[in-house]
Amino acid sequence: MPITTSHFNLTNGVRQRIVNALGMAQHVCIHNHEHSSSVNEFIGGSDVTTSNGIHAQSTLTSQITIGPDDELYAVADGNAELHVLIVKQD
């Protein structure tokens, strides 16, 4: 089970792919690293916005498993940092 980590600098209102599609399930840990700002981060599919995404609460780590060939995106309502750990379920 290969493990990878990434850090993303999200730009206000710009959707960014944070997990690429693979032919296997992926267990994903997402950490909203905004400790001192009031910026909100959201995750979802390729159509995620700050209105329809799932809120990634500040300073907490959330977990999600995505299926084979699925991708995960993030967007923020300001400039923010997001950390991602992926465990490939091969």
N, C-alpha and C. Protein backbone atom coordinates (compact mmCIF):
# COMPACT_ATOMS: atom_id res chain seq x y z
N MET A 1 0.83 -1.18 0.00
CA MET A 1 0.00 0.00 0.00
C MET A 1 0.87 1.25 0.00
N PRO A 2 1.14 1.80 -1.15
CA PRO A 2 1.93 3.03 -1.21
C PRO A 2 1.21 4.20 -0.55
N ILE A 3 1.96 5.02 0.15
CA ILE A 3 1.44 6.20 0.83
C ILE A 3 2.12 7.42 0.22
N THR A 4 1.33 8.45 -0.11
CA THR A 4 1.88 9.71 -0.62
C THR A 4 1.30 10.87 0.17
N THR A 5 2.06 11.94 0.27
CA THR A 5 1.58 13.15 0.92
C THR A 5 1.79 14.34 -0.01
N SER A 6 0.90 15.32 0.11
CA SER A 6 0.99 16.53 -0.71
C SER A 6 0.49 17.72 0.11
N HIS A 7 1.01 18.88 -0.23
CA HIS A 7 0.53 20.14 0.34
C HIS A 7 0.06 20.99 -0.83
N PHE A 8 -1.10 21.62 -0.65
CA PHE A 8 -1.67 22.46 -1.71
C PHE A 8 -1.90 23.86 -1.17
N ASN A 9 -1.56 24.86 -1.98
CA ASN A 9 -1.87 26.24 -1.68
C ASN A 9 -3.08 26.60 -2.52
N LEU A 10 -4.23 26.67 -1.87
CA LEU A 10 -5.46 27.01 -2.57
C LEU A 10 -5.57 28.51 -2.73
N THR A 11 -6.01 28.93 -3.90
CA THR A 11 -6.20 30.35 -4.21
C THR A 11 -7.68 30.66 -4.19
N ASN A 12 -8.05 31.80 -3.66
CA ASN A 12 -9.43 32.21 -3.48
C ASN A 12 -10.30 31.90 -4.70
N GLY A 13 -11.26 30.98 -4.52
CA GLY A 13 -12.24 30.66 -5.54
C GLY A 13 -11.77 29.77 -6.67
N VAL A 14 -10.51 29.33 -6.66
CA VAL A 14 -9.98 28.51 -7.74
C VAL A 14 -10.02 27.03 -7.33
N ARG A 15 -10.79 26.25 -8.07
CA ARG A 15 -10.91 24.81 -7.81
C ARG A 15 -9.59 24.13 -8.19
N GLN A 16 -9.16 23.19 -7.36
CA GLN A 16 -7.90 22.49 -7.61
C GLN A 16 -8.08 21.00 -7.34
N ARG A 17 -7.59 20.16 -8.26
CA ARG A 17 -7.64 18.71 -8.04
C ARG A 17 -6.60 18.36 -6.98
N ILE A 18 -7.03 17.62 -5.95
CA ILE A 18 -6.12 17.25 -4.87
C ILE A 18 -5.84 15.75 -4.85
N VAL A 19 -6.68 14.95 -5.51
CA VAL A 19 -6.45 13.51 -5.62
C VAL A 19 -6.74 13.10 -7.05
N ASN A 20 -5.75 12.52 -7.72
CA ASN A 20 -5.91 12.05 -9.10
C ASN A 20 -6.61 10.70 -9.13
N ALA A 21 -7.30 10.43 -10.22
CA ALA A 21 -7.98 9.14 -10.42
C ALA A 21 -6.95 8.03 -10.61
N LEU A 22 -7.24 6.88 -10.01
CA LEU A 22 -6.44 5.68 -10.19
C LEU A 22 -7.41 4.51 -10.41
N GLY A 23 -6.91 3.41 -10.86
CA GLY A 23 -7.74 2.24 -11.09
C GLY A 23 -7.98 1.43 -9.83
N MET A 24 -7.83 2.04 -8.66
CA MET A 24 -8.03 1.37 -7.38
C MET A 24 -8.61 2.36 -6.39
N ALA A 25 -9.20 1.86 -5.31
CA ALA A 25 -9.71 2.74 -4.25
C ALA A 25 -8.53 3.44 -3.56
N GLN A 26 -8.82 4.64 -3.02
CA GLN A 26 -7.81 5.40 -2.30
C GLN A 26 -8.41 5.91 -0.99
N HIS A 27 -7.69 5.69 0.10
CA HIS A 27 -8.08 6.23 1.40
C HIS A 27 -7.37 7.57 1.54
N VAL A 28 -8.12 8.65 1.76
CA VAL A 28 -7.57 10.00 1.75
C VAL A 28 -7.79 10.66 3.10
N CYS A 29 -6.73 11.24 3.65
CA CYS A 29 -6.80 12.07 4.85
C CYS A 29 -6.56 13.51 4.42
N ILE A 30 -7.45 14.39 4.83
CA ILE A 30 -7.39 15.80 4.43
C ILE A 30 -7.26 16.64 5.68
N HIS A 31 -6.28 17.53 5.70
CA HIS A 31 -6.07 18.40 6.86
C HIS A 31 -6.12 19.86 6.41
N ASN A 32 -7.11 20.57 6.91
CA ASN A 32 -7.21 22.01 6.67
C ASN A 32 -6.21 22.68 7.61
N HIS A 33 -5.15 23.23 7.05
CA HIS A 33 -4.02 23.73 7.84
C HIS A 33 -4.15 25.21 8.19
N GLU A 34 -5.35 25.77 8.10
CA GLU A 34 -5.54 27.18 8.40
C GLU A 34 -5.78 27.40 9.89
N HIS A 35 -4.70 27.63 10.63
CA HIS A 35 -4.78 27.77 12.08
C HIS A 35 -5.20 29.16 12.53
N SER A 36 -4.86 30.18 11.78
CA SER A 36 -5.08 31.53 12.29
C SER A 36 -5.92 32.41 11.37
N SER A 37 -6.42 31.88 10.28
CA SER A 37 -7.22 32.73 9.39
C SER A 37 -8.67 32.29 9.41
N SER A 38 -9.51 33.09 8.81
CA SER A 38 -10.94 32.77 8.75
C SER A 38 -11.33 32.26 7.36
N VAL A 39 -10.39 31.63 6.67
CA VAL A 39 -10.65 31.09 5.34
C VAL A 39 -11.29 29.71 5.47
N ASN A 40 -12.33 29.48 4.68
CA ASN A 40 -13.01 28.19 4.66
C ASN A 40 -12.56 27.38 3.46
N GLU A 41 -12.36 26.07 3.66
CA GLU A 41 -11.98 25.16 2.59
C GLU A 41 -13.09 24.12 2.42
N PHE A 42 -13.29 23.70 1.15
CA PHE A 42 -14.35 22.75 0.83
C PHE A 42 -13.81 21.69 -0.11
N ILE A 43 -14.31 20.46 0.02
CA ILE A 43 -13.91 19.38 -0.88
C ILE A 43 -15.13 18.83 -1.59
N GLY A 44 -14.89 18.19 -2.74
CA GLY A 44 -15.98 17.59 -3.50
C GLY A 44 -15.49 17.11 -4.85
N GLY A 45 -16.43 16.94 -5.75
CA GLY A 45 -16.11 16.49 -7.10
C GLY A 45 -15.60 17.62 -7.98
N SER A 46 -15.54 17.36 -9.27
CA SER A 46 -14.97 18.33 -10.20
C SER A 46 -15.79 19.61 -10.31
N ASP A 47 -17.01 19.59 -9.77
CA ASP A 47 -17.86 20.78 -9.79
C ASP A 47 -17.92 21.49 -8.43
N VAL A 48 -17.02 21.16 -7.51
CA VAL A 48 -17.09 21.71 -6.15
C VAL A 48 -16.97 23.23 -6.18
N THR A 49 -17.79 23.87 -5.33
CA THR A 49 -17.72 25.31 -5.11
C THR A 49 -17.79 25.55 -3.61
N THR A 50 -17.66 26.81 -3.22
CA THR A 50 -17.80 27.13 -1.80
C THR A 50 -19.26 27.01 -1.35
N SER A 51 -20.18 26.87 -2.31
CA SER A 51 -21.60 26.72 -1.98
C SER A 51 -22.05 25.27 -1.88
N ASN A 52 -21.41 24.36 -2.65
CA ASN A 52 -21.90 22.97 -2.66
C ASN A 52 -20.91 21.96 -2.08
N GLY A 53 -19.71 22.39 -1.71
CA GLY A 53 -18.70 21.46 -1.20
C GLY A 53 -18.90 21.11 0.27
N ILE A 54 -18.21 20.07 0.69
CA ILE A 54 -18.21 19.67 2.10
C ILE A 54 -17.12 20.47 2.81
N HIS A 55 -17.48 21.14 3.88
CA HIS A 55 -16.55 22.00 4.61
C HIS A 55 -15.47 21.17 5.30
N ALA A 56 -14.23 21.53 5.07
CA ALA A 56 -13.09 20.93 5.78
C ALA A 56 -12.77 21.84 6.95
N GLN A 57 -13.17 21.46 8.14
CA GLN A 57 -13.06 22.31 9.31
C GLN A 57 -11.60 22.62 9.65
N SER A 58 -11.35 23.86 10.05
CA SER A 58 -9.99 24.32 10.34
C SER A 58 -9.32 23.47 11.40
N THR A 59 -8.06 23.14 11.16
CA THR A 59 -7.13 22.42 12.04
C THR A 59 -7.54 20.97 12.31
N LEU A 60 -8.54 20.46 11.63
CA LEU A 60 -8.94 19.07 11.81
C LEU A 60 -8.54 18.23 10.61
N THR A 61 -8.39 16.94 10.84
CA THR A 61 -8.10 16.00 9.77
C THR A 61 -9.34 15.16 9.52
N SER A 62 -9.77 15.09 8.27
CA SER A 62 -10.93 14.29 7.87
C SER A 62 -10.45 13.14 7.00
N GLN A 63 -11.25 12.07 6.96
CA GLN A 63 -10.90 10.91 6.15
C GLN A 63 -12.04 10.57 5.21
N ILE A 64 -11.66 10.12 4.01
CA ILE A 64 -12.63 9.71 3.01
C ILE A 64 -11.99 8.62 2.16
N THR A 65 -12.77 7.68 1.70
CA THR A 65 -12.30 6.68 0.75
C THR A 65 -13.00 6.96 -0.57
N ILE A 66 -12.22 7.10 -1.62
CA ILE A 66 -12.81 7.32 -2.94
C ILE A 66 -12.59 6.07 -3.78
N GLY A 67 -13.53 5.81 -4.65
CA GLY A 67 -13.50 4.60 -5.45
C GLY A 67 -12.53 4.67 -6.61
N PRO A 68 -12.33 3.55 -7.29
CA PRO A 68 -11.48 3.52 -8.48
C PRO A 68 -11.95 4.55 -9.50
N ASP A 69 -11.00 5.21 -10.12
CA ASP A 69 -11.26 6.19 -11.19
C ASP A 69 -11.96 7.45 -10.72
N ASP A 70 -12.06 7.69 -9.40
CA ASP A 70 -12.63 8.93 -8.88
C ASP A 70 -11.52 9.93 -8.57
N GLU A 71 -11.87 11.21 -8.61
CA GLU A 71 -10.94 12.28 -8.27
C GLU A 71 -11.56 13.11 -7.15
N LEU A 72 -10.73 13.89 -6.47
CA LEU A 72 -11.21 14.76 -5.41
C LEU A 72 -10.65 16.16 -5.64
N TYR A 73 -11.50 17.16 -5.42
CA TYR A 73 -11.13 18.55 -5.65
C TYR A 73 -11.33 19.36 -4.37
N ALA A 74 -10.69 20.52 -4.32
CA ALA A 74 -10.85 21.44 -3.19
C ALA A 74 -10.93 22.86 -3.72
N VAL A 75 -11.60 23.70 -2.94
CA VAL A 75 -11.70 25.13 -3.24
C VAL A 75 -11.79 25.86 -1.91
N ALA A 76 -11.38 27.11 -1.88
CA ALA A 76 -11.42 27.90 -0.64
C ALA A 76 -11.99 29.28 -0.94
N ASP A 77 -12.49 29.94 0.11
CA ASP A 77 -13.01 31.30 -0.07
C ASP A 77 -11.97 32.35 0.30
N GLY A 78 -10.72 31.98 0.21
CA GLY A 78 -9.56 32.84 0.43
C GLY A 78 -8.33 32.03 0.08
N ASN A 79 -7.16 32.54 0.36
CA ASN A 79 -5.94 31.78 0.13
C ASN A 79 -5.69 30.90 1.35
N ALA A 80 -5.44 29.60 1.10
CA ALA A 80 -5.37 28.65 2.20
C ALA A 80 -4.40 27.51 1.88
N GLU A 81 -4.02 26.79 2.92
CA GLU A 81 -3.15 25.63 2.78
C GLU A 81 -3.91 24.37 3.17
N LEU A 82 -3.76 23.33 2.35
CA LEU A 82 -4.44 22.06 2.58
C LEU A 82 -3.40 20.95 2.47
N HIS A 83 -3.41 20.01 3.42
CA HIS A 83 -2.50 18.88 3.40
C HIS A 83 -3.29 17.62 3.11
N VAL A 84 -2.71 16.72 2.29
CA VAL A 84 -3.40 15.50 1.87
C VAL A 84 -2.45 14.32 2.01
N LEU A 85 -2.96 13.22 2.60
CA LEU A 85 -2.24 11.95 2.67
C LEU A 85 -3.12 10.92 1.97
N ILE A 86 -2.52 10.16 1.06
CA ILE A 86 -3.27 9.16 0.28
C ILE A 86 -2.66 7.79 0.51
N VAL A 87 -3.52 6.82 0.83
CA VAL A 87 -3.10 5.42 0.93
C VAL A 87 -3.80 4.69 -0.21
N LYS A 88 -3.01 4.17 -1.14
CA LYS A 88 -3.58 3.45 -2.28
C LYS A 88 -3.95 2.05 -1.83
N GLN A 89 -5.15 1.63 -2.15
CA GLN A 89 -5.69 0.35 -1.69
C GLN A 89 -5.48 -0.75 -2.73
N ASP A 90 -4.23 -1.01 -3.09
CA ASP A 90 -3.97 -2.02 -4.14
C ASP A 90 -3.97 -3.43 -3.61
